[in-house]
């Protein structure tokens, strides 16, 4: 005997109706972050120096700035997905769960925006001394 409704079986969703989608978002964001972070480490290793001027010059290239922005986006998206799961698992009061989930999302958007603006400033030449 199953507790799943007929519509739930057809759609392939669990009782929360979003579990499978959330699971796939976590996995794809983790894969994207892994691939982009590998690119980042290899790119830094290929630079002649890791001083501010060299890295700033490297980020002026669209071939460096675009993947860097994608890395920022994927990292903060994955971060908020993971923290939301932790909150849903360990915060049992509905009001607190909503509050902390909202705070995590706002913090992820704020930090991601700051990181993206920093990359864009360097890419457009505004961040160089």
Protein backbone atom coordinates (compact mmCIF):
# COMPACT_ATOMS: atom_id res chain seq x y z
CA UNK A 1 0.00 0.00 0.00
CA UNK A 2 1.35 3.38 -0.97
CA UNK A 3 0.59 6.81 0.49
CA UNK A 4 1.12 8.42 -2.89
CA UNK A 5 -1.80 9.79 -4.89
CA UNK A 6 -2.40 8.71 -8.47
CA UNK A 7 -1.43 12.18 -9.70
CA UNK A 8 1.75 12.05 -7.60
CA UNK A 9 2.70 8.70 -9.15
CA UNK A 10 2.17 10.07 -12.66
CA UNK A 11 4.19 13.22 -12.00
CA UNK A 12 6.87 11.35 -10.08
CA UNK A 13 6.76 13.73 -7.13
CA UNK A 14 6.70 12.91 -3.45
CA UNK A 15 4.45 14.25 -0.75
CA UNK A 16 6.00 17.70 -0.90
CA UNK A 17 5.50 17.74 -4.70
CA UNK A 18 8.92 19.29 -5.28
CA UNK A 19 11.44 16.86 -3.81
CA UNK A 20 12.68 15.39 -7.07
CA UNK A 21 13.09 18.82 -8.68
CA UNK A 22 15.01 20.13 -5.69
CA UNK A 23 17.22 17.02 -5.73
CA UNK A 24 18.04 17.56 -9.43
CA UNK A 25 18.74 21.28 -8.87
CA UNK A 26 21.18 20.37 -6.10
CA UNK A 27 22.98 17.83 -8.28
CA UNK A 28 23.19 20.02 -11.38
CA UNK A 29 24.36 23.05 -9.39
CA UNK A 30 26.98 20.87 -7.67
CA UNK A 31 28.22 19.60 -11.05
CA UNK A 32 28.29 23.11 -12.51
CA UNK A 33 30.18 24.40 -9.48
CA UNK A 34 32.68 21.54 -9.66
CA UNK A 35 33.37 22.07 -13.37
CA UNK A 36 33.67 25.86 -13.01
CA UNK A 37 35.83 25.61 -9.89
CA UNK A 38 38.15 23.21 -11.73
CA UNK A 39 38.37 25.75 -14.57
CA UNK A 40 39.13 28.48 -12.00
CA UNK A 41 41.96 26.55 -10.31
CA UNK A 42 43.53 25.55 -13.63
CA UNK A 43 43.25 29.13 -14.91
CA UNK A 44 44.92 30.52 -11.80
CA UNK A 45 47.66 27.91 -12.01
CA UNK A 46 48.42 29.02 -15.58
CA UNK A 47 48.87 32.68 -14.62
CA UNK A 48 52.47 33.89 -14.29
CA UNK A 49 51.74 35.47 -10.88
CA UNK A 50 48.82 35.73 -8.48
CA UNK A 51 49.15 39.39 -7.60
CA UNK A 52 46.26 41.84 -7.90
CA UNK A 53 47.42 43.36 -11.19
CA UNK A 54 47.85 40.00 -12.95
CA UNK A 55 44.49 38.61 -11.81
CA UNK A 56 42.74 41.91 -12.62
CA UNK A 57 44.26 41.89 -16.10
CA UNK A 58 43.20 38.26 -16.56
CA UNK A 59 39.59 39.11 -15.60
CA UNK A 60 39.37 41.83 -18.25
CA UNK A 61 39.03 39.05 -20.82
CA UNK A 62 35.44 37.96 -21.54
CA UNK A 63 36.72 34.37 -21.66
CA UNK A 64 37.67 34.73 -17.98
CA UNK A 65 34.94 37.07 -16.72
CA UNK A 66 31.98 35.10 -18.12
CA UNK A 67 32.90 31.75 -16.51
CA UNK A 68 33.79 33.60 -13.31
CA UNK A 69 30.28 35.09 -13.21
CA UNK A 70 28.84 31.63 -13.85
CA UNK A 71 30.97 30.27 -10.99
CA UNK A 72 29.62 32.95 -8.65
CA UNK A 73 26.04 32.23 -9.71
CA UNK A 74 26.36 28.44 -9.43
CA UNK A 75 28.16 28.62 -6.09
CA UNK A 76 25.63 30.86 -4.37
CA UNK A 77 22.69 28.97 -5.91
CA UNK A 78 24.10 25.67 -4.63
CA UNK A 79 24.84 27.20 -1.23
CA UNK A 80 21.28 28.40 -0.69
CA UNK A 81 19.81 25.10 -1.91
CA UNK A 82 21.89 23.15 0.58
CA UNK A 83 21.21 25.45 3.50
CA UNK A 84 17.47 25.40 2.81
CA UNK A 85 17.54 21.60 3.10
CA UNK A 86 19.38 21.83 6.43
CA UNK A 87 16.81 24.33 7.70
CA UNK A 88 13.90 22.20 6.53
CA UNK A 89 15.40 19.15 8.24
CA UNK A 90 16.38 20.68 11.58
CA UNK A 91 14.09 23.66 12.22
CA UNK A 92 10.74 22.26 13.26
CA UNK A 93 8.67 25.37 13.95
CA UNK A 94 6.98 26.70 10.80
CA UNK A 95 7.55 30.38 11.58
CA UNK A 96 11.24 29.90 12.37
CA UNK A 97 11.71 27.71 9.31
CA UNK A 98 10.20 30.39 7.07
CA UNK A 99 12.26 33.13 8.73
CA UNK A 100 15.59 31.31 8.40
CA UNK A 101 14.88 30.12 4.86
CA UNK A 102 14.10 33.71 3.88
CA UNK A 103 17.26 34.98 5.60
CA UNK A 104 19.39 32.39 3.77
CA UNK A 105 17.90 33.38 0.42
CA UNK A 106 18.41 37.09 1.07
CA UNK A 107 22.00 36.51 2.24
CA UNK A 108 22.77 34.37 -0.83
CA UNK A 109 21.34 37.02 -3.17
CA UNK A 110 23.23 39.80 -1.39
CA UNK A 111 26.57 37.98 -1.32
CA UNK A 112 26.15 36.72 -4.90
CA UNK A 113 25.33 40.22 -6.11
CA UNK A 114 28.37 41.68 -4.35
CA UNK A 115 30.60 39.01 -5.87
CA UNK A 116 29.12 39.49 -9.35
CA UNK A 117 29.50 43.28 -9.17
CA UNK A 118 33.12 42.84 -8.06
CA UNK A 119 33.84 40.58 -11.03
CA UNK A 120 32.11 43.01 -13.38
CA UNK A 121 34.07 45.96 -11.98
CA UNK A 122 37.33 44.11 -12.59
CA UNK A 123 36.18 42.92 -16.02
CA UNK A 124 35.23 46.42 -17.10
CA UNK A 125 38.40 47.99 -15.72
CA UNK A 126 36.79 49.86 -12.82
CA UNK A 127 38.41 47.81 -10.07
CA UNK A 128 42.07 48.34 -11.06
CA UNK A 129 44.10 50.81 -8.97
